[in-house]
PDB file of N, CA and C in Angstrom:
ATOM      1  N   MET A   1      49.901 -31.316 -35.140  1.00  0.00           N
ATOM      2  CA  MET A   1      48.794 -31.714 -35.045  1.00  0.00           C
ATOM      3  C   MET A   1      48.405 -32.278 -36.183  1.00  0.00           C
ATOM      4  N   LYS A   2      47.692 -33.617 -36.176  1.00  0.00           N
ATOM      5  CA  LYS A   2      47.249 -33.996 -37.850  1.00  0.00           C
ATOM      6  C   LYS A   2      45.935 -33.112 -37.938  1.00  0.00           C
ATOM      7  N   LEU A   3      45.718 -33.414 -39.107  1.00  0.00           N
ATOM      8  CA  LEU A   3      44.629 -32.789 -40.200  1.00  0.00           C
ATOM      9  C   LEU A   3      43.236 -33.444 -39.396  1.00  0.00           C
ATOM     10  N   ASP A   4      43.171 -34.967 -39.221  1.00  0.00           N
ATOM     11  CA  ASP A   4      42.167 -35.511 -38.522  1.00  0.00           C
ATOM     12  C   ASP A   4      41.747 -35.241 -37.135  1.00  0.00           C
ATOM     13  N   THR A   5      42.675 -34.579 -36.507  1.00  0.00           N
ATOM     14  CA  THR A   5      42.535 -33.937 -35.049  1.00  0.00           C
ATOM     15  C   THR A   5      41.854 -32.315 -35.071  1.00  0.00           C
ATOM     16  N   PHE A   6      42.246 -32.023 -36.160  1.00  0.00           N
ATOM     17  CA  PHE A   6      42.030 -30.520 -36.304  1.00  0.00           C
ATOM     18  C   PHE A   6      40.579 -30.598 -36.778  1.00  0.00           C
ATOM     19  N   ALA A   7      40.130 -31.868 -37.651  1.00  0.00           N
ATOM     20  CA  ALA A   7      38.790 -31.827 -38.129  1.00  0.00           C
ATOM     21  C   ALA A   7      37.770 -32.220 -37.416  1.00  0.00           C
ATOM     22  N   PHE A   8      38.394 -32.970 -36.237  1.00  0.00           N
ATOM     23  CA  PHE A   8      37.497 -33.636 -35.040  1.00  0.00           C
ATOM     24  C   PHE A   8      37.046 -32.516 -34.350  1.00  0.00           C
ATOM     25  N   PHE A   9      38.108 -31.683 -33.687  1.00  0.00           N
ATOM     26  CA  PHE A   9      37.718 -30.559 -32.728  1.00  0.00           C
ATOM     27  C   PHE A   9      37.163 -29.576 -33.467  1.00  0.00           C
ATOM     28  N   ARG A  10      37.089 -29.196 -34.672  1.00  0.00           N
ATOM     29  CA  ARG A  10      36.306 -28.480 -35.718  1.00  0.00           C
ATOM     30  C   ARG A  10      34.901 -28.928 -35.517  1.00  0.00           C
ATOM     31  N   ARG A  11      34.621 -30.077 -35.997  1.00  0.00           N
ATOM     32  CA  ARG A  11      33.269 -30.656 -35.721  1.00  0.00           C
ATOM     33  C   ARG A  11      32.524 -30.699 -34.190  1.00  0.00           C
ATOM     34  N   LEU A  12      33.835 -31.036 -33.251  1.00  0.00           N
ATOM     35  CA  LEU A  12      33.213 -31.064 -32.022  1.00  0.00           C
ATOM     36  C   LEU A  12      32.465 -29.622 -31.665  1.00  0.00           C
ATOM     37  N   LEU A  13      33.707 -28.404 -32.192  1.00  0.00           N
ATOM     38  CA  LEU A  13      32.786 -26.967 -31.900  1.00  0.00           C
ATOM     39  C   LEU A  13      31.943 -26.545 -32.543  1.00  0.00           C
ATOM     40  N   LEU A  14      31.627 -27.232 -33.592  1.00  0.00           N
ATOM     41  CA  LEU A  14      30.049 -26.821 -34.466  1.00  0.00           C
ATOM     42  C   LEU A  14      29.138 -27.806 -33.821  1.00  0.00           C
ATOM     43  N   ILE A  15      29.312 -28.998 -32.951  1.00  0.00           N
ATOM     44  CA  ILE A  15      28.114 -29.976 -32.636  1.00  0.00           C
ATOM     45  C   ILE A  15      27.921 -29.445 -31.003  1.00  0.00           C
ATOM     46  N   ALA A  16      28.812 -29.215 -30.431  1.00  0.00           N
ATOM     47  CA  ALA A  16      28.845 -28.936 -28.771  1.00  0.00           C
ATOM     48  C   ALA A  16      27.635 -27.657 -28.376  1.00  0.00           C
ATOM     49  N   PRO A  17      27.707 -26.514 -29.397  1.00  0.00           N
ATOM     50  CA  PRO A  17      26.675 -25.349 -29.378  1.00  0.00           C
ATOM     51  C   PRO A  17      25.338 -25.902 -29.504  1.00  0.00           C
ATOM     52  N   LEU A  18      25.221 -26.924 -30.475  1.00  0.00           N
ATOM     53  CA  LEU A  18      23.924 -27.333 -31.157  1.00  0.00           C
ATOM     54  C   LEU A  18      23.322 -28.226 -29.457  1.00  0.00           C
ATOM     55  N   GLY A  19      24.118 -29.213 -28.890  1.00  0.00           N
ATOM     56  CA  GLY A  19      23.871 -30.007 -28.094  1.00  0.00           C
ATOM     57  C   GLY A  19      23.488 -29.288 -26.776  1.00  0.00           C
ATOM     58  N   VAL A  20      24.352 -28.114 -26.429  1.00  0.00           N
ATOM     59  CA  VAL A  20      23.975 -27.442 -25.546  1.00  0.00           C
ATOM     60  C   VAL A  20      22.559 -26.441 -25.656  1.00  0.00           C
ATOM     61  N   SER A  21      22.559 -25.988 -26.592  1.00  0.00           N
ATOM     62  CA  SER A  21      21.155 -25.200 -27.083  1.00  0.00           C
ATOM     63  C   SER A  21      19.800 -26.062 -27.175  1.00  0.00           C
ATOM     64  N   LEU A  22      19.783 -27.761 -27.491  1.00  0.00           N
ATOM     65  CA  LEU A  22      18.832 -28.427 -27.042  1.00  0.00           C
ATOM     66  C   LEU A  22      18.626 -29.118 -26.044  1.00  0.00           C
ATOM     67  N   GLY A  23      19.510 -28.810 -25.371  1.00  0.00           N
ATOM     68  CA  GLY A  23      19.406 -29.089 -23.596  1.00  0.00           C
ATOM     69  C   GLY A  23      18.812 -27.825 -23.040  1.00  0.00           C
ATOM     70  N   GLY A  24      18.744 -26.896 -23.729  1.00  0.00           N
ATOM     71  CA  GLY A  24      18.124 -25.804 -23.063  1.00  0.00           C
ATOM     72  C   GLY A  24      16.764 -25.798 -23.132  1.00  0.00           C
ATOM     73  N   CYS A  25      16.258 -26.397 -24.266  1.00  0.00           N
ATOM     74  CA  CYS A  25      15.211 -26.764 -24.701  1.00  0.00           C
ATOM     75  C   CYS A  25      14.028 -27.638 -23.587  1.00  0.00           C
ATOM     76  N   MET A  26      14.790 -28.552 -23.173  1.00  0.00           N
ATOM     77  CA  MET A  26      14.109 -29.654 -22.122  1.00  0.00           C
ATOM     78  C   MET A  26      13.515 -29.064 -21.238  1.00  0.00           C
ATOM     79  N   THR A  27      12.306 -29.510 -21.076  1.00  0.00           N
ATOM     80  CA  THR A  27      11.693 -28.532 -19.906  1.00  0.00           C
ATOM     81  C   THR A  27      11.448 -29.879 -19.032  1.00  0.00           C
ATOM     82  N   SER A  28      11.815 -29.426 -17.534  1.00  0.00           N
ATOM     83  CA  SER A  28      11.713 -30.335 -16.272  1.00  0.00           C
ATOM     84  C   SER A  28      10.696 -29.536 -15.331  1.00  0.00           C
ATOM     85  N   SER A  29      10.103 -28.438 -15.759  1.00  0.00           N
ATOM     86  CA  SER A  29       9.290 -28.111 -15.001  1.00  0.00           C
ATOM     87  C   SER A  29       7.735 -28.693 -14.963  1.00  0.00           C
ATOM     88  N   PRO A  30       7.426 -29.493 -15.588  1.00  0.00           N
ATOM     89  CA  PRO A  30       6.310 -30.459 -15.180  1.00  0.00           C
ATOM     90  C   PRO A  30       6.312 -31.342 -13.984  1.00  0.00           C
ATOM     91  N   ILE A  31       7.901 -31.487 -13.822  1.00  0.00           N
ATOM     92  CA  ILE A  31       7.943 -32.671 -12.529  1.00  0.00           C
ATOM     93  C   ILE A  31       8.176 -31.800 -11.388  1.00  0.00           C
ATOM     94  N   TRP A  32       8.770 -30.697 -11.855  1.00  0.00           N
ATOM     95  CA  TRP A  32       8.783 -29.501 -10.384  1.00  0.00           C
ATOM     96  C   TRP A  32       7.765 -29.335 -10.286  1.00  0.00           C
ATOM     97  N   GLU A  33       6.486 -28.662 -10.935  1.00  0.00           N
ATOM     98  CA  GLU A  33       5.258 -28.234 -10.691  1.00  0.00           C
ATOM     99  C   GLU A  33       4.155 -29.441 -10.129  1.00  0.00           C
ATOM    100  N   ALA A  34       4.490 -30.381 -10.479  1.00  0.00           N
ATOM    101  CA  ALA A  34       3.616 -31.709  -9.767  1.00  0.00           C
ATOM    102  C   ALA A  34       3.731 -31.611  -8.591  1.00  0.00           C
ATOM    103  N   HIS A  35       4.605 -31.193  -7.882  1.00  0.00           N
ATOM    104  CA  HIS A  35       4.949 -31.310  -6.102  1.00  0.00           C
ATOM    105  C   HIS A  35       5.077 -29.787  -5.556  1.00  0.00           C
ATOM    106  N   PHE A  36       4.629 -28.841  -6.497  1.00  0.00           N
ATOM    107  CA  PHE A  36       4.526 -27.482  -6.338  1.00  0.00           C
ATOM    108  C   PHE A  36       3.617 -27.364  -5.052  1.00  0.00           C
ATOM    109  N   GLY A  37       3.877 -26.683  -3.977  1.00  0.00           N
ATOM    110  CA  GLY A  37       2.887 -26.289  -2.790  1.00  0.00           C
ATOM    111  C   GLY A  37       2.646 -27.513  -1.817  1.00  0.00           C
ATOM    112  N   GLU A  38       3.289 -28.682  -1.704  1.00  0.00           N
ATOM    113  CA  GLU A  38       3.390 -29.416  -0.693  1.00  0.00           C
ATOM    114  C   GLU A  38       3.712 -29.248   0.315  1.00  0.00           C
ATOM    115  N   ALA A  39       5.303 -28.243   0.408  1.00  0.00           N
ATOM    116  CA  ALA A  39       5.888 -28.129   1.385  1.00  0.00           C
ATOM    117  C   ALA A  39       4.740 -26.863   2.389  1.00  0.00           C
ATOM    118  N   LEU A  40       4.187 -26.278   1.500  1.00  0.00           N
ATOM    119  CA  LEU A  40       3.291 -25.271   1.910  1.00  0.00           C
ATOM    120  C   LEU A  40       2.259 -26.015   2.848  1.00  0.00           C
ATOM    121  N   HIS A  41       1.339 -26.557   2.133  1.00  0.00           N
ATOM    122  CA  HIS A  41       0.246 -27.725   2.814  1.00  0.00           C
ATOM    123  C   HIS A  41       0.834 -28.335   3.941  1.00  0.00           C
ATOM    124  N   HIS A  42       1.976 -28.981   3.739  1.00  0.00           N
ATOM    125  CA  HIS A  42       2.330 -30.000   4.941  1.00  0.00           C
ATOM    126  C   HIS A  42       2.266 -28.553   6.340  1.00  0.00           C
ATOM    127  N   SER A  43       3.264 -27.823   5.855  1.00  0.00           N
ATOM    128  CA  SER A  43       3.583 -26.755   7.099  1.00  0.00           C
ATOM    129  C   SER A  43       2.248 -26.487   7.542  1.00  0.00           C
ATOM    130  N   MET A  44       1.509 -26.089   6.641  1.00  0.00           N
ATOM    131  CA  MET A  44       0.309 -25.473   7.362  1.00  0.00           C
ATOM    132  C   MET A  44      -0.749 -26.714   8.146  1.00  0.00           C
ATOM    133  N   GLN A  45      -0.600 -27.798   7.839  1.00  0.00           N
ATOM    134  CA  GLN A  45      -1.319 -28.842   8.589  1.00  0.00           C
ATOM    135  C   GLN A  45      -0.407 -29.077   9.865  1.00  0.00           C
ATOM    136  N   ALA A  46       0.616 -28.854   9.900  1.00  0.00           N
ATOM    137  CA  ALA A  46       1.317 -29.334  11.093  1.00  0.00           C
ATOM    138  C   ALA A  46       1.133 -28.174  11.977  1.00  0.00           C
ATOM    139  N   GLN A  47       0.581 -27.005  11.931  1.00  0.00           N
ATOM    140  CA  GLN A  47       0.385 -25.986  12.936  1.00  0.00           C
ATOM    141  C   GLN A  47      -1.162 -26.232  13.499  1.00  0.00           C
ATOM    142  N   ILE A  48      -1.794 -27.013  12.752  1.00  0.00           N
ATOM    143  CA  ILE A  48      -2.965 -27.396  13.491  1.00  0.00           C
ATOM    144  C   ILE A  48      -3.217 -28.433  14.189  1.00  0.00           C
ATOM    145  N   ILE A  49      -3.822 -27.853  15.432  1.00  0.00           N
ATOM    146  CA  ILE A  49      -3.454 -28.930  16.644  1.00  0.00           C
ATOM    147  C   ILE A  49      -4.600 -29.839  16.625  1.00  0.00           C
ATOM    148  N   ASP A  50      -5.392 -29.368  16.566  1.00  0.00           N
ATOM    149  CA  ASP A  50      -6.758 -30.266  16.488  1.00  0.00           C
ATOM    150  C   ASP A  50      -7.690 -30.154  15.283  1.00  0.00           C
ATOM    151  N   PRO A  51      -7.885 -30.585  14.054  1.00  0.00           N
ATOM    152  CA  PRO A  51      -8.544 -30.016  13.310  1.00  0.00           C
ATOM    153  C   PRO A  51      -9.853 -30.468  13.166  1.00  0.00           C
ATOM    154  N   ASP A  52     -10.575 -31.394  14.524  1.00  0.00           N
ATOM    155  CA  ASP A  52     -11.656 -31.486  14.509  1.00  0.00           C
ATOM    156  C   ASP A  52     -12.424 -30.717  16.018  1.00  0.00           C
ATOM    157  N   ALA A  53     -11.863 -29.924  16.459  1.00  0.00           N
ATOM    158  CA  ALA A  53     -12.074 -29.219  17.666  1.00  0.00           C
ATOM    159  C   ALA A  53     -13.512 -28.526  17.756  1.00  0.00           C
ATOM    160  N   ALA A  54     -13.380 -27.903  16.214  1.00  0.00           N
ATOM    161  CA  ALA A  54     -14.909 -27.289  16.014  1.00  0.00           C
ATOM    162  C   ALA A  54     -16.301 -27.951  15.783  1.00  0.00           C
ATOM    163  N   MET A  55     -15.672 -29.102  15.633  1.00  0.00           N
ATOM    164  CA  MET A  55     -17.156 -30.226  15.640  1.00  0.00           C
ATOM    165  C   MET A  55     -17.360 -30.484  16.900  1.00  0.00           C
ATOM    166  N   ARG A  56     -16.320 -30.888  17.753  1.00  0.00           N
ATOM    167  CA  ARG A  56     -16.911 -31.280  18.993  1.00  0.00           C
ATOM    168  C   ARG A  56     -17.397 -30.127  20.258  1.00  0.00           C
ATOM    169  N   VAL A  57     -16.939 -29.175  20.067  1.00  0.00           N
ATOM    170  CA  VAL A  57     -17.178 -28.296  21.180  1.00  0.00           C
ATOM    171  C   VAL A  57     -18.440 -27.234  20.759  1.00  0.00           C
ATOM    172  N   SER A  58     -19.309 -26.840  21.506  1.00  0.00           N
ATOM    173  CA  SER A  58     -20.363 -26.064  21.490  1.00  0.00           C
ATOM    174  C   SER A  58     -19.691 -24.512  21.408  1.00  0.00           C
ATOM    175  N   SER A  59     -20.016 -23.594  20.932  1.00  0.00           N
ATOM    176  CA  SER A  59     -19.852 -22.385  20.953  1.00  0.00           C
ATOM    177  C   SER A  59     -20.346 -21.741  22.145  1.00  0.00           C
ATOM    178  N   GLN A  60     -19.491 -20.879  22.751  1.00  0.00           N
ATOM    179  CA  GLN A  60     -20.096 -20.278  24.186  1.00  0.00           C
ATOM    180  C   GLN A  60     -20.957 -19.084  23.701  1.00  0.00           C
ATOM    181  N   PRO A  61     -21.918 -18.514  24.777  1.00  0.00           N
ATOM    182  CA  PRO A  61     -23.117 -17.498  24.116  1.00  0.00           C
ATOM    183  C   PRO A  61     -22.040 -16.286  24.525  1.00  0.00           C
ATOM    184  N   GLY A  62     -22.158 -15.513  23.358  1.00  0.00           N
ATOM    185  CA  GLY A  62     -21.368 -14.003  23.984  1.00  0.00           C
ATOM    186  C   GLY A  62     -22.472 -13.223  24.255  1.00  0.00           C
ATOM    187  N   VAL A  63     -22.316 -11.914  23.707  1.00  0.00           N
ATOM    188  CA  VAL A  63     -22.780 -10.620  23.969  1.00  0.00           C
ATOM    189  C   VAL A  63     -24.150 -10.592  23.005  1.00  0.00           C
ATOM    190  N   ASP A  64     -25.504 -10.211  23.523  1.00  0.00           N
ATOM    191  CA  ASP A  64     -26.368 -10.079  22.672  1.00  0.00           C
ATOM    192  C   ASP A  64     -26.349  -9.109  21.718  1.00  0.00           C
ATOM    193  N   GLY A  65     -27.130  -9.214  20.587  1.00  0.00           N
ATOM    194  CA  GLY A  65     -27.040  -8.186  19.502  1.00  0.00           C
ATOM    195  C   GLY A  65     -27.563  -6.864  19.958  1.00  0.00           C
ATOM    196  N   LYS A  66     -28.461  -6.688  20.835  1.00  0.00           N
ATOM    197  CA  LYS A  66     -28.477  -5.054  21.222  1.00  0.00           C
ATOM    198  C   LYS A  66     -27.330  -4.527  22.126  1.00  0.00           C
ATOM    199  N   ALA A  67     -26.986  -5.460  23.022  1.00  0.00           N
ATOM    200  CA  ALA A  67     -25.909  -4.959  23.837  1.00  0.00           C
ATOM    201  C   ALA A  67     -24.630  -4.400  23.002  1.00  0.00           C
ATOM    202  N   ALA A  68     -24.174  -5.287  21.856  1.00  0.00           N
ATOM    203  CA  ALA A  68     -23.290  -5.080  20.971  1.00  0.00           C
ATOM    204  C   ALA A  68     -23.422  -3.629  20.264  1.00  0.00           C
ATOM    205  N   ALA A  69     -24.623  -3.412  19.671  1.00  0.00           N
ATOM    206  CA  ALA A  69     -24.797  -2.800  18.877  1.00  0.00           C
ATOM    207  C   ALA A  69     -24.911  -1.238  20.120  1.00  0.00           C
ATOM    208  N   ALA A  70     -25.508  -1.298  20.947  1.00  0.00           N
ATOM    209  CA  ALA A  70     -25.375  -0.109  22.227  1.00  0.00           C
ATOM    210  C   ALA A  70     -23.687  -0.044  22.464  1.00  0.00           C
ATOM    211  N   ALA A  71     -22.904  -0.825  22.450  1.00  0.00           N
ATOM    212  CA  ALA A  71     -21.609  -0.795  22.961  1.00  0.00           C
ATOM    213  C   ALA A  71     -20.748  -0.096  21.785  1.00  0.00           C
ATOM    214  N   MET A  72     -21.293  -0.326  20.611  1.00  0.00           N
ATOM    215  CA  MET A  72     -20.526   0.259  19.415  1.00  0.00           C
ATOM    216  C   MET A  72     -20.815   1.568  19.031  1.00  0.00           C
ATOM    217  N   ASP A  73     -22.137   1.879  19.440  1.00  0.00           N
ATOM    218  CA  ASP A  73     -22.670   3.188  19.228  1.00  0.00           C
ATOM    219  C   ASP A  73     -22.209   4.306  20.472  1.00  0.00           C
ATOM    220  N   GLN A  74     -21.900   3.359  21.473  1.00  0.00           N
ATOM    221  CA  GLN A  74     -21.183   4.661  22.762  1.00  0.00           C
ATOM    222  C   GLN A  74     -19.697   4.572  21.967  1.00  0.00           C
ATOM    223  N   TYR A  75     -19.069   3.527  21.409  1.00  0.00           N
ATOM    224  CA  TYR A  75     -17.657   3.830  21.003  1.00  0.00           C
ATOM    225  C   TYR A  75     -17.551   4.814  19.883  1.00  0.00           C
ATOM    226  N   ASP A  76     -18.752   4.785  18.898  1.00  0.00           N
ATOM    227  CA  ASP A  76     -18.339   5.680  17.991  1.00  0.00           C
ATOM    228  C   ASP A  76     -18.647   7.442  18.542  1.00  0.00           C
ATOM    229  N   LYS A  77     -19.500   7.471  19.370  1.00  0.00           N
ATOM    230  CA  LYS A  77     -19.618   8.573  20.167  1.00  0.00           C
ATOM    231  C   LYS A  77     -18.749   9.110  20.666  1.00  0.00           C
ATOM    232  N   SER A  78     -17.966   8.440  21.516  1.00  0.00           N
ATOM    233  CA  SER A  78     -16.805   8.820  21.983  1.00  0.00           C
ATOM    234  C   SER A  78     -15.433   9.461  20.933  1.00  0.00           C
ATOM    235  N   PHE A  79     -15.743   9.600  19.777  1.00  0.00           N
ATOM    236  CA  PHE A  79     -14.871  10.134  18.897  1.00  0.00           C
ATOM    237  C   PHE A  79     -15.642  11.143  17.968  1.00  0.00           C
ATOM    238  N   GLU A  80     -16.957  11.481  18.532  1.00  0.00           N
ATOM    239  CA  GLU A  80     -17.685  12.812  18.067  1.00  0.00           C
ATOM    240  C   GLU A  80     -17.411  14.090  18.607  1.00  0.00           C
ATOM    241  N   GLN A  81     -16.744  14.364  19.812  1.00  0.00           N
ATOM    242  CA  GLN A  81     -16.503  15.412  20.485  1.00  0.00           C
ATOM    243  C   GLN A  81     -15.301  16.007  19.556  1.00  0.00           C
ATOM    244  N   PRO A  82     -15.430  17.025  19.214  1.00  0.00           N
ATOM    245  CA  PRO A  82     -14.283  17.973  18.510  1.00  0.00           C
ATOM    246  C   PRO A  82     -13.264  18.137  19.448  1.00  0.00           C
ATOM    247  N   PRO A  83     -12.067  18.133  18.970  1.00  0.00           N
ATOM    248  CA  PRO A  83     -10.930  18.542  19.930  1.00  0.00           C
ATOM    249  C   PRO A  83     -10.973  19.899  20.366  1.00  0.00           C
ATOM    250  N   VAL A  84     -10.255  20.265  21.481  1.00  0.00           N
ATOM    251  CA  VAL A  84     -10.300  21.561  21.823  1.00  0.00           C
ATOM    252  C   VAL A  84      -9.288  22.498  20.941  1.00  0.00           C
ATOM    253  N   SER A  85      -9.903  23.445  20.597  1.00  0.00           N
ATOM    254  CA  SER A  85      -8.581  24.456  19.283  1.00  0.00           C
ATOM    255  C   SER A  85      -7.669  25.278  20.207  1.00  0.00           C
ATOM    256  N   THR A  86      -6.637  24.950  20.148  1.00  0.00           N
ATOM    257  CA  THR A  86      -5.852  25.999  20.873  1.00  0.00           C
ATOM    258  C   THR A  86      -5.198  26.692  19.379  1.00  0.00           C
ATOM    259  N   SER A  87      -4.839  27.935  20.167  1.00  0.00           N
ATOM    260  CA  SER A  87      -3.771  28.798  19.152  1.00  0.00           C
ATOM    261  C   SER A  87      -2.589  28.390  18.898  1.00  0.00           C
ATOM    262  N   PRO A  88      -2.099  28.537  17.487  1.00  0.00           N
ATOM    263  CA  PRO A  88      -0.841  27.912  17.253  1.00  0.00           C
ATOM    264  C   PRO A  88       0.276  28.445  17.661  1.00  0.00           C
ATOM    265  N   TYR A  89       0.119  29.766  18.433  1.00  0.00           N
ATOM    266  CA  TYR A  89       1.162  30.150  19.158  1.00  0.00           C
ATOM    267  C   TYR A  89       1.616  29.706  20.379  1.00  0.00           C
ATOM    268  N   THR A  90       0.618  29.153  21.120  1.00  0.00           N
ATOM    269  CA  THR A  90       1.061  28.642  22.330  1.00  0.00           C
ATOM    270  C   THR A  90       1.220  27.112  22.734  1.00  0.00           C
ATOM    271  N   ILE A  91       2.166  26.624  21.369  1.00  0.00           N
ATOM    272  CA  ILE A  91       2.646  25.388  21.560  1.00  0.00           C
ATOM    273  C   ILE A  91       3.694  25.375  22.499  1.00  0.00           C
ATOM    274  N   GLY A  92       3.483  24.536  23.374  1.00  0.00           N
ATOM    275  CA  GLY A  92       4.276  23.828  24.596  1.00  0.00           C
ATOM    276  C   GLY A  92       4.299  24.832  25.700  1.00  0.00           C
ATOM    277  N   VAL A  93       3.316  25.848  25.968  1.00  0.00           N
ATOM    278  CA  VAL A  93       3.074  27.012  26.642  1.00  0.00           C
ATOM    279  C   VAL A  93       1.687  26.395  27.702  1.00  0.00           C
ATOM    280  N   SER A  94       1.500  26.202  28.760  1.00  0.00           N
ATOM    281  CA  SER A  94       0.545  25.844  29.700  1.00  0.00           C
ATOM    282  C   SER A  94      -0.581  26.557  29.506  1.00  0.00           C
ATOM    283  N   SER A  95      -1.953  26.277  29.682  1.00  0.00           N
ATOM    284  CA  SER A  95      -3.032  26.913  29.360  1.00  0.00           C
ATOM    285  C   SER A  95      -3.245  27.520  30.862  1.00  0.00           C
ATOM    286  N   GLY A  96      -2.890  26.792  32.220  1.00  0.00           N
ATOM    287  CA  GLY A  96      -3.405  27.593  33.466  1.00  0.00           C
ATOM    288  C   GLY A  96      -4.240  26.803  33.903  1.00  0.00           C
ATOM    289  N   LYS A  97      -4.519  25.778  33.218  1.00  0.00           N
ATOM    290  CA  LYS A  97      -5.664  24.753  34.071  1.00  0.00           C
ATOM    291  C   LYS A  97      -5.313  24.005  34.900  1.00  0.00           C
TER     292      LYS A  97
END
């Protein structure tokens, strides 16, 4: 091998890591971040059949407030009865009722 070839490869081995390290400093994220979330937005919009449906149809009357409150009170009262206490020694044994 000639001395010039050896010097060329030596310089190349010194310059190559410099080029690789400078390439690592380059940022490409602004290009990627400019379109971040577009796929999600398009997917969400594709799932909406009629975006103006709420503007055209009036809402149906539902249960009035007093009836709804009474229903919720009755529902809450259904959980107030304490459970029947049983002896821990009668697990799996019928109570005879």
